[in-house]
Amino acid sequence: MTEIKNKHDPTGDFLSRLFRTEDISRFIENNAFQMELPEFHVYITDFCKTSGKVPEQVILQASIERTYGHQLFNGTRKPSRDKVIQLAFGLELDVDGTQKLLLIAGKSALYPKIKRDAAIIFCLVNHKNVDETQSVLHSLGLTLLGGR
């Protein structure tokens, strides 16, 4: 059984192959290229390039302070979980895209059994912007993004 798949191996298939492997060292060696996450700033910069978005506009739409936002894009700052979520709104990501962005940033995924996360997921699904999301969080008595 071969353990090498193409770079776009869906996670489910990859996980299934991991479950079936008899040699974890060999599996990791043969699949190392699929197990590397890009650096956060590289990912968001590349995402902007491929989607035609301008970082300055993403930062503005994310309601992130301009200088801090540029530091996130150039890699001199590491974002908090809330800043990653705000960037997801600025990048106009869906739930799956937001979960991937959180993963790449090394932050915990949105979990629907947590009230605040459920509200954020609701806002993503309903294409609300960051300001509308803040209003939803406020109306529910939940902590605003960025702790505001």
N, C-alpha and C. Protein backbone atom coordinates (compact mmCIF):
# COMPACT_ATOMS: atom_id res chain seq x y z
N MET A 1 0.84 -1.18 0.00
CA MET A 1 0.00 0.00 0.00
C MET A 1 0.89 1.24 0.00
N THR A 2 0.64 2.13 -0.94
CA THR A 2 1.41 3.37 -0.99
C THR A 2 0.81 4.38 -0.01
N GLU A 3 1.66 5.16 0.62
CA GLU A 3 1.20 6.14 1.59
C GLU A 3 1.36 7.56 1.08
N ILE A 4 1.84 7.72 -0.12
CA ILE A 4 2.04 9.06 -0.66
C ILE A 4 0.85 9.41 -1.53
N LYS A 5 0.27 10.56 -1.27
CA LYS A 5 -0.85 11.07 -2.06
C LYS A 5 -0.48 12.45 -2.58
N ASN A 6 -1.32 12.98 -3.44
CA ASN A 6 -1.02 14.30 -3.97
C ASN A 6 -1.21 15.37 -2.89
N LYS A 7 -0.74 16.55 -3.20
CA LYS A 7 -0.75 17.65 -2.24
C LYS A 7 -2.16 18.07 -1.84
N HIS A 8 -3.14 17.77 -2.65
CA HIS A 8 -4.51 18.20 -2.39
C HIS A 8 -5.36 17.06 -1.83
N ASP A 9 -4.75 16.15 -1.13
CA ASP A 9 -5.44 15.03 -0.50
C ASP A 9 -6.41 15.57 0.54
N PRO A 10 -7.71 15.35 0.37
CA PRO A 10 -8.66 15.83 1.38
C PRO A 10 -8.32 15.29 2.77
N THR A 11 -8.59 16.09 3.78
CA THR A 11 -8.24 15.71 5.15
C THR A 11 -8.84 14.36 5.53
N GLY A 12 -10.06 14.08 5.13
CA GLY A 12 -10.70 12.81 5.45
C GLY A 12 -9.92 11.63 4.89
N ASP A 13 -9.47 11.75 3.63
CA ASP A 13 -8.68 10.69 3.01
C ASP A 13 -7.34 10.55 3.73
N PHE A 14 -6.75 11.67 4.05
CA PHE A 14 -5.46 11.68 4.73
C PHE A 14 -5.60 11.00 6.09
N LEU A 15 -6.63 11.35 6.83
CA LEU A 15 -6.87 10.76 8.14
C LEU A 15 -7.14 9.26 8.02
N SER A 16 -7.87 8.88 7.01
CA SER A 16 -8.16 7.46 6.78
C SER A 16 -6.87 6.68 6.52
N ARG A 17 -5.97 7.26 5.74
CA ARG A 17 -4.68 6.60 5.48
C ARG A 17 -3.84 6.52 6.76
N LEU A 18 -3.93 7.56 7.60
CA LEU A 18 -3.22 7.55 8.86
C LEU A 18 -3.74 6.42 9.75
N PHE A 19 -5.05 6.25 9.79
CA PHE A 19 -5.64 5.17 10.60
C PHE A 19 -5.16 3.80 10.14
N ARG A 20 -4.92 3.66 8.85
CA ARG A 20 -4.53 2.36 8.30
C ARG A 20 -3.03 2.09 8.34
N THR A 21 -2.23 3.11 8.61
CA THR A 21 -0.78 2.91 8.54
C THR A 21 -0.28 1.99 9.65
N GLU A 22 0.74 1.26 9.34
CA GLU A 22 1.36 0.39 10.34
C GLU A 22 2.70 0.93 10.81
N ASP A 23 3.18 1.98 10.14
CA ASP A 23 4.49 2.55 10.46
C ASP A 23 4.37 4.07 10.47
N ILE A 24 4.20 4.66 11.65
CA ILE A 24 3.98 6.10 11.75
C ILE A 24 5.20 6.89 11.28
N SER A 25 6.39 6.42 11.55
CA SER A 25 7.59 7.14 11.11
C SER A 25 7.63 7.23 9.59
N ARG A 26 7.34 6.14 8.95
CA ARG A 26 7.34 6.13 7.48
C ARG A 26 6.21 7.00 6.93
N PHE A 27 5.05 6.92 7.56
CA PHE A 27 3.91 7.74 7.13
C PHE A 27 4.28 9.23 7.18
N ILE A 28 4.86 9.65 8.30
CA ILE A 28 5.24 11.05 8.46
C ILE A 28 6.31 11.43 7.45
N GLU A 29 7.29 10.58 7.28
CA GLU A 29 8.36 10.86 6.32
C GLU A 29 7.80 11.00 4.90
N ASN A 30 6.90 10.10 4.52
CA ASN A 30 6.34 10.11 3.17
C ASN A 30 5.33 11.22 2.94
N ASN A 31 4.79 11.79 4.00
CA ASN A 31 3.73 12.78 3.86
C ASN A 31 4.07 14.13 4.48
N ALA A 32 5.33 14.34 4.79
CA ALA A 32 5.74 15.56 5.49
C ALA A 32 5.30 16.83 4.75
N PHE A 33 5.35 16.79 3.43
CA PHE A 33 4.97 17.99 2.67
C PHE A 33 3.50 18.37 2.86
N GLN A 34 2.67 17.42 3.22
CA GLN A 34 1.25 17.71 3.46
C GLN A 34 0.99 18.12 4.90
N MET A 35 1.97 17.96 5.76
CA MET A 35 1.78 18.20 7.18
C MET A 35 2.34 19.55 7.61
N GLU A 36 2.79 20.33 6.67
CA GLU A 36 3.35 21.64 6.99
C GLU A 36 2.30 22.71 6.73
N LEU A 37 2.11 23.57 7.69
CA LEU A 37 1.21 24.70 7.52
C LEU A 37 2.03 25.91 7.10
N PRO A 38 1.48 26.75 6.23
CA PRO A 38 2.21 27.96 5.86
C PRO A 38 2.27 28.92 7.04
N GLU A 39 3.22 29.82 6.99
CA GLU A 39 3.26 30.87 8.01
C GLU A 39 2.02 31.75 7.82
N PHE A 40 1.49 32.23 8.93
CA PHE A 40 0.24 32.98 8.89
C PHE A 40 0.33 34.17 7.94
N HIS A 41 1.37 34.99 8.09
CA HIS A 41 1.47 36.19 7.26
C HIS A 41 1.62 35.85 5.78
N VAL A 42 2.30 34.76 5.48
CA VAL A 42 2.45 34.34 4.09
C VAL A 42 1.09 33.91 3.55
N TYR A 43 0.34 33.17 4.36
CA TYR A 43 -0.97 32.69 3.93
C TYR A 43 -1.92 33.85 3.63
N ILE A 44 -2.02 34.82 4.55
CA ILE A 44 -2.97 35.91 4.32
C ILE A 44 -2.53 36.80 3.15
N THR A 45 -1.22 36.97 2.99
CA THR A 45 -0.72 37.76 1.86
C THR A 45 -1.02 37.05 0.54
N ASP A 46 -0.74 35.75 0.49
CA ASP A 46 -1.03 34.98 -0.72
C ASP A 46 -2.53 34.94 -1.00
N PHE A 47 -3.33 34.81 0.06
CA PHE A 47 -4.78 34.80 -0.12
C PHE A 47 -5.25 36.10 -0.77
N CYS A 48 -4.72 37.21 -0.30
CA CYS A 48 -5.08 38.50 -0.89
C CYS A 48 -4.69 38.56 -2.36
N LYS A 49 -3.50 38.10 -2.67
CA LYS A 49 -3.03 38.12 -4.07
C LYS A 49 -3.94 37.29 -4.96
N THR A 50 -4.26 36.08 -4.52
CA THR A 50 -5.05 35.18 -5.37
C THR A 50 -6.53 35.59 -5.44
N SER A 51 -7.02 36.28 -4.42
CA SER A 51 -8.43 36.68 -4.43
C SER A 51 -8.63 38.11 -4.91
N GLY A 52 -7.53 38.80 -5.20
CA GLY A 52 -7.64 40.17 -5.68
C GLY A 52 -7.96 41.19 -4.60
N LYS A 53 -7.74 40.83 -3.36
CA LYS A 53 -8.02 41.74 -2.25
C LYS A 53 -6.77 42.55 -1.92
N VAL A 54 -6.97 43.73 -1.41
CA VAL A 54 -5.88 44.61 -1.02
C VAL A 54 -5.76 44.57 0.50
N PRO A 55 -4.57 44.26 1.04
CA PRO A 55 -4.42 44.18 2.50
C PRO A 55 -4.98 45.39 3.25
N GLU A 56 -4.75 46.57 2.74
CA GLU A 56 -5.24 47.79 3.39
C GLU A 56 -6.77 47.74 3.55
N GLN A 57 -7.46 47.29 2.51
CA GLN A 57 -8.92 47.19 2.55
C GLN A 57 -9.36 46.09 3.51
N VAL A 58 -8.65 44.97 3.52
CA VAL A 58 -8.96 43.86 4.43
C VAL A 58 -8.84 44.33 5.88
N ILE A 59 -7.77 45.05 6.17
CA ILE A 59 -7.53 45.58 7.52
C ILE A 59 -8.66 46.51 7.93
N LEU A 60 -9.07 47.39 7.02
CA LEU A 60 -10.16 48.32 7.29
C LEU A 60 -11.47 47.56 7.53
N GLN A 61 -11.79 46.60 6.67
CA GLN A 61 -13.02 45.82 6.81
C GLN A 61 -13.00 44.95 8.07
N ALA A 62 -11.81 44.61 8.55
CA ALA A 62 -11.66 43.80 9.76
C ALA A 62 -11.74 44.64 11.03
N SER A 63 -11.76 45.96 10.88
CA SER A 63 -11.75 46.88 12.02
C SER A 63 -10.53 46.66 12.90
N ILE A 64 -9.40 46.49 12.24
CA ILE A 64 -8.12 46.34 12.94
C ILE A 64 -7.33 47.62 12.74
N GLU A 65 -6.69 48.07 13.78
CA GLU A 65 -5.86 49.27 13.70
C GLU A 65 -4.85 49.09 12.57
N ARG A 66 -4.70 50.12 11.75
CA ARG A 66 -3.92 50.05 10.50
C ARG A 66 -2.49 49.54 10.70
N THR A 67 -1.75 50.12 11.63
CA THR A 67 -0.35 49.73 11.84
C THR A 67 -0.27 48.28 12.29
N TYR A 68 -1.12 47.90 13.24
CA TYR A 68 -1.15 46.53 13.73
C TYR A 68 -1.48 45.57 12.59
N GLY A 69 -2.45 45.93 11.77
CA GLY A 69 -2.83 45.09 10.63
C GLY A 69 -1.68 44.86 9.68
N HIS A 70 -0.94 45.91 9.38
CA HIS A 70 0.21 45.74 8.48
C HIS A 70 1.30 44.88 9.13
N GLN A 71 1.43 44.97 10.44
CA GLN A 71 2.39 44.10 11.14
C GLN A 71 1.96 42.64 11.04
N LEU A 72 0.67 42.37 11.03
CA LEU A 72 0.19 41.01 10.83
C LEU A 72 0.53 40.52 9.42
N PHE A 73 0.35 41.38 8.44
CA PHE A 73 0.63 41.02 7.06
C PHE A 73 2.13 40.86 6.77
N ASN A 74 2.97 41.60 7.49
CA ASN A 74 4.41 41.45 7.22
C ASN A 74 5.09 40.49 8.19
N GLY A 75 4.33 39.93 9.12
CA GLY A 75 4.86 38.89 9.99
C GLY A 75 5.58 39.36 11.23
N THR A 76 5.55 40.65 11.51
CA THR A 76 6.24 41.14 12.71
C THR A 76 5.38 41.00 13.97
N ARG A 77 4.08 40.74 13.80
CA ARG A 77 3.18 40.50 14.93
C ARG A 77 2.45 39.19 14.71
N LYS A 78 2.13 38.52 15.81
CA LYS A 78 1.32 37.30 15.78
C LYS A 78 -0.07 37.68 16.28
N PRO A 79 -1.11 37.25 15.58
CA PRO A 79 -2.45 37.66 15.98
C PRO A 79 -3.02 36.86 17.13
N SER A 80 -3.89 37.50 17.88
CA SER A 80 -4.70 36.79 18.88
C SER A 80 -5.80 36.05 18.11
N ARG A 81 -6.52 35.20 18.80
CA ARG A 81 -7.63 34.48 18.17
C ARG A 81 -8.67 35.47 17.63
N ASP A 82 -8.98 36.50 18.42
CA ASP A 82 -9.96 37.48 17.97
C ASP A 82 -9.50 38.22 16.72
N LYS A 83 -8.23 38.56 16.65
CA LYS A 83 -7.72 39.26 15.46
C LYS A 83 -7.81 38.36 14.23
N VAL A 84 -7.57 37.07 14.42
CA VAL A 84 -7.71 36.12 13.29
C VAL A 84 -9.16 36.11 12.82
N ILE A 85 -10.09 36.09 13.76
CA ILE A 85 -11.51 36.10 13.41
C ILE A 85 -11.88 37.40 12.71
N GLN A 86 -11.38 38.51 13.22
CA GLN A 86 -11.63 39.80 12.56
C GLN A 86 -11.08 39.79 11.14
N LEU A 87 -9.87 39.24 10.96
CA LEU A 87 -9.31 39.15 9.61
C LEU A 87 -10.18 38.27 8.71
N ALA A 88 -10.75 37.22 9.28
CA ALA A 88 -11.64 36.35 8.50
C ALA A 88 -12.81 37.17 7.95
N PHE A 89 -13.36 38.06 8.78
CA PHE A 89 -14.43 38.93 8.30
C PHE A 89 -13.90 39.89 7.24
N GLY A 90 -12.71 40.44 7.46
CA GLY A 90 -12.13 41.34 6.47
C GLY A 90 -11.83 40.64 5.14
N LEU A 91 -11.48 39.38 5.22
CA LEU A 91 -11.21 38.58 4.01
C LEU A 91 -12.48 38.00 3.41
N GLU A 92 -13.60 38.21 4.10
CA GLU A 92 -14.92 37.71 3.67
C GLU A 92 -14.93 36.18 3.55
N LEU A 93 -14.36 35.53 4.56
CA LEU A 93 -14.30 34.07 4.56
C LEU A 93 -15.61 33.47 5.06
N ASP A 94 -15.86 32.24 4.64
CA ASP A 94 -16.99 31.49 5.19
C ASP A 94 -16.51 30.75 6.44
N VAL A 95 -17.35 29.91 7.01
CA VAL A 95 -16.98 29.20 8.23
C VAL A 95 -15.76 28.31 8.00
N ASP A 96 -15.75 27.54 6.92
CA ASP A 96 -14.62 26.66 6.65
C ASP A 96 -13.33 27.45 6.47
N GLY A 97 -13.40 28.55 5.75
CA GLY A 97 -12.22 29.39 5.55
C GLY A 97 -11.73 29.99 6.86
N THR A 98 -12.66 30.35 7.73
CA THR A 98 -12.30 30.90 9.04
C THR A 98 -11.64 29.83 9.90
N GLN A 99 -12.20 28.62 9.88
CA GLN A 99 -11.60 27.52 10.65
C GLN A 99 -10.17 27.25 10.16
N LYS A 100 -9.97 27.28 8.86
CA LYS A 100 -8.63 27.06 8.30
C LYS A 100 -7.68 28.18 8.71
N LEU A 101 -8.17 29.42 8.69
CA LEU A 101 -7.34 30.55 9.09
C LEU A 101 -6.94 30.42 10.56
N LEU A 102 -7.87 30.01 11.40
CA LEU A 102 -7.57 29.80 12.82
C LEU A 102 -6.53 28.69 12.98
N LEU A 103 -6.66 27.62 12.24
CA LEU A 103 -5.71 26.51 12.29
C LEU A 103 -4.31 26.99 11.91
N ILE A 104 -4.21 27.71 10.81
CA ILE A 104 -2.91 28.20 10.34
C ILE A 104 -2.28 29.15 11.36
N ALA A 105 -3.12 29.91 12.05
CA ALA A 105 -2.62 30.84 13.08
C ALA A 105 -2.28 30.13 14.38
N GLY A 106 -2.62 28.83 14.47
CA GLY A 106 -2.35 28.09 15.70
C GLY A 106 -3.34 28.41 16.81
N LYS A 107 -4.54 28.80 16.43
CA LYS A 107 -5.58 29.16 17.40
C LYS A 107 -6.68 28.11 17.39
N SER A 108 -7.47 28.07 18.45
CA SER A 108 -8.54 27.08 18.53
C SER A 108 -9.66 27.42 17.56
N ALA A 109 -10.26 26.36 17.02
CA ALA A 109 -11.36 26.50 16.07
C ALA A 109 -12.59 27.07 16.76
N LEU A 110 -13.47 27.60 15.96
CA LEU A 110 -14.78 28.01 16.48
C LEU A 110 -15.55 26.76 16.85
N TYR A 111 -16.15 26.78 18.02
CA TYR A 111 -16.86 25.61 18.54
C TYR A 111 -18.31 26.00 18.79
N PRO A 112 -19.25 25.38 18.09
CA PRO A 112 -20.65 25.83 18.16
C PRO A 112 -21.34 25.66 19.51
N LYS A 113 -20.75 24.92 20.44
CA LYS A 113 -21.36 24.77 21.76
C LYS A 113 -20.91 25.86 22.74
N ILE A 114 -20.07 26.76 22.26
CA ILE A 114 -19.69 27.94 23.04
C ILE A 114 -20.52 29.10 22.50
N LYS A 115 -21.27 29.78 23.37
CA LYS A 115 -22.23 30.81 22.93
C LYS A 115 -21.59 31.85 22.01
N ARG A 116 -20.46 32.38 22.42
CA ARG A 116 -19.81 33.43 21.63
C ARG A 116 -19.41 32.89 20.26
N ASP A 117 -18.82 31.70 20.24
CA ASP A 117 -18.42 31.09 18.97
C ASP A 117 -19.64 30.81 18.10
N ALA A 118 -20.74 30.36 18.71
CA ALA A 118 -21.98 30.10 17.96
C ALA A 118 -22.47 31.40 17.30
N ALA A 119 -22.40 32.49 18.03
CA ALA A 119 -22.84 33.79 17.48
C ALA A 119 -21.94 34.20 16.31
N ILE A 120 -20.64 33.98 16.45
CA ILE A 120 -19.69 34.32 15.37
C ILE A 120 -19.96 33.44 14.15
N ILE A 121 -20.18 32.15 14.37
CA ILE A 121 -20.50 31.24 13.26
C ILE A 121 -21.77 31.71 12.57
N PHE A 122 -22.79 32.07 13.35
CA PHE A 122 -24.04 32.59 12.79
C PHE A 122 -23.76 33.79 11.88
N CYS A 123 -22.93 34.69 12.35
CA CYS A 123 -22.62 35.90 11.58
C CYS A 123 -21.86 35.56 10.30
N LEU A 124 -20.94 34.62 10.38
CA LEU A 124 -20.21 34.19 9.17
C LEU A 124 -21.17 33.59 8.15
N VAL A 125 -22.03 32.70 8.62
CA VAL A 125 -22.99 32.03 7.73
C VAL A 125 -23.93 33.04 7.07
N ASN A 126 -24.28 34.07 7.82
CA ASN A 126 -25.23 35.07 7.32
C ASN A 126 -24.54 36.29 6.70
N HIS A 127 -23.26 36.16 6.40
CA HIS A 127 -22.48 37.18 5.66
C HIS A 127 -22.53 38.55 6.33
N LYS A 128 -22.48 38.56 7.64
CA LYS A 128 -22.44 39.83 8.36
C LYS A 128 -21.01 40.34 8.37
N ASN A 129 -20.86 41.65 8.42
CA ASN A 129 -19.50 42.20 8.51
C ASN A 129 -19.09 42.28 9.98
N VAL A 130 -17.90 42.73 10.24
CA VAL A 130 -17.38 42.73 11.60
C VAL A 130 -18.19 43.66 12.51
N ASP A 131 -18.64 44.80 11.99
CA ASP A 131 -19.43 45.72 12.82
C ASP A 131 -20.79 45.11 13.17
N GLU A 132 -21.42 44.46 12.21
CA GLU A 132 -22.69 43.79 12.48
C GLU A 132 -22.49 42.65 13.49
N THR A 133 -21.35 41.98 13.38
CA THR A 133 -21.03 40.90 14.32
C THR A 133 -20.86 41.45 15.72
N GLN A 134 -20.20 42.58 15.83
CA GLN A 134 -20.05 43.21 17.15
C GLN A 134 -21.42 43.55 17.74
N SER A 135 -22.34 44.00 16.90
CA SER A 135 -23.69 44.31 17.37
C SER A 135 -24.41 43.07 17.87
N VAL A 136 -24.26 41.96 17.13
CA VAL A 136 -24.88 40.70 17.56
C VAL A 136 -24.30 40.27 18.90
N LEU A 137 -22.96 40.31 19.01
CA LEU A 137 -22.31 39.92 20.27
C LEU A 137 -22.79 40.80 21.42
N HIS A 138 -22.86 42.11 21.18
CA HIS A 138 -23.30 43.05 22.20
C HIS A 138 -24.74 42.76 22.62
N SER A 139 -25.61 42.52 21.64
CA SER A 139 -27.02 42.27 21.95
C SER A 139 -27.22 41.00 22.77
N LEU A 140 -26.27 40.08 22.67
CA LEU A 140 -26.35 38.83 23.43
C LEU A 140 -25.59 38.91 24.75
N GLY A 141 -24.97 40.07 25.01
CA GLY A 141 -24.21 40.23 26.24
C GLY A 141 -22.90 39.47 26.24
N LEU A 142 -22.35 39.23 25.04
CA LEU A 142 -21.12 38.47 24.91
C LEU A 142 -19.94 39.40 24.66
N THR A 143 -18.76 38.97 24.97
CA THR A 143 -17.54 39.76 24.78
C THR A 143 -17.36 40.07 23.30
N LEU A 144 -17.13 41.34 23.00
CA LEU A 144 -16.91 41.76 21.61
C LEU A 144 -15.56 41.29 21.11
N LEU A 145 -15.43 41.21 19.80
CA LEU A 145 -14.14 40.86 19.22
C LEU A 145 -13.12 41.93 19.61
N GLY A 146 -11.96 41.51 19.98
CA GLY A 146 -10.95 42.44 20.43
C GLY A 146 -11.15 42.87 21.87
N GLY A 147 -12.10 42.24 22.55
CA GLY A 147 -12.33 42.54 23.95
C GLY A 147 -13.03 43.85 24.20
N ARG A 148 -13.54 44.46 23.12
CA ARG A 148 -14.20 45.77 23.27
C ARG A 148 -15.59 45.61 23.84
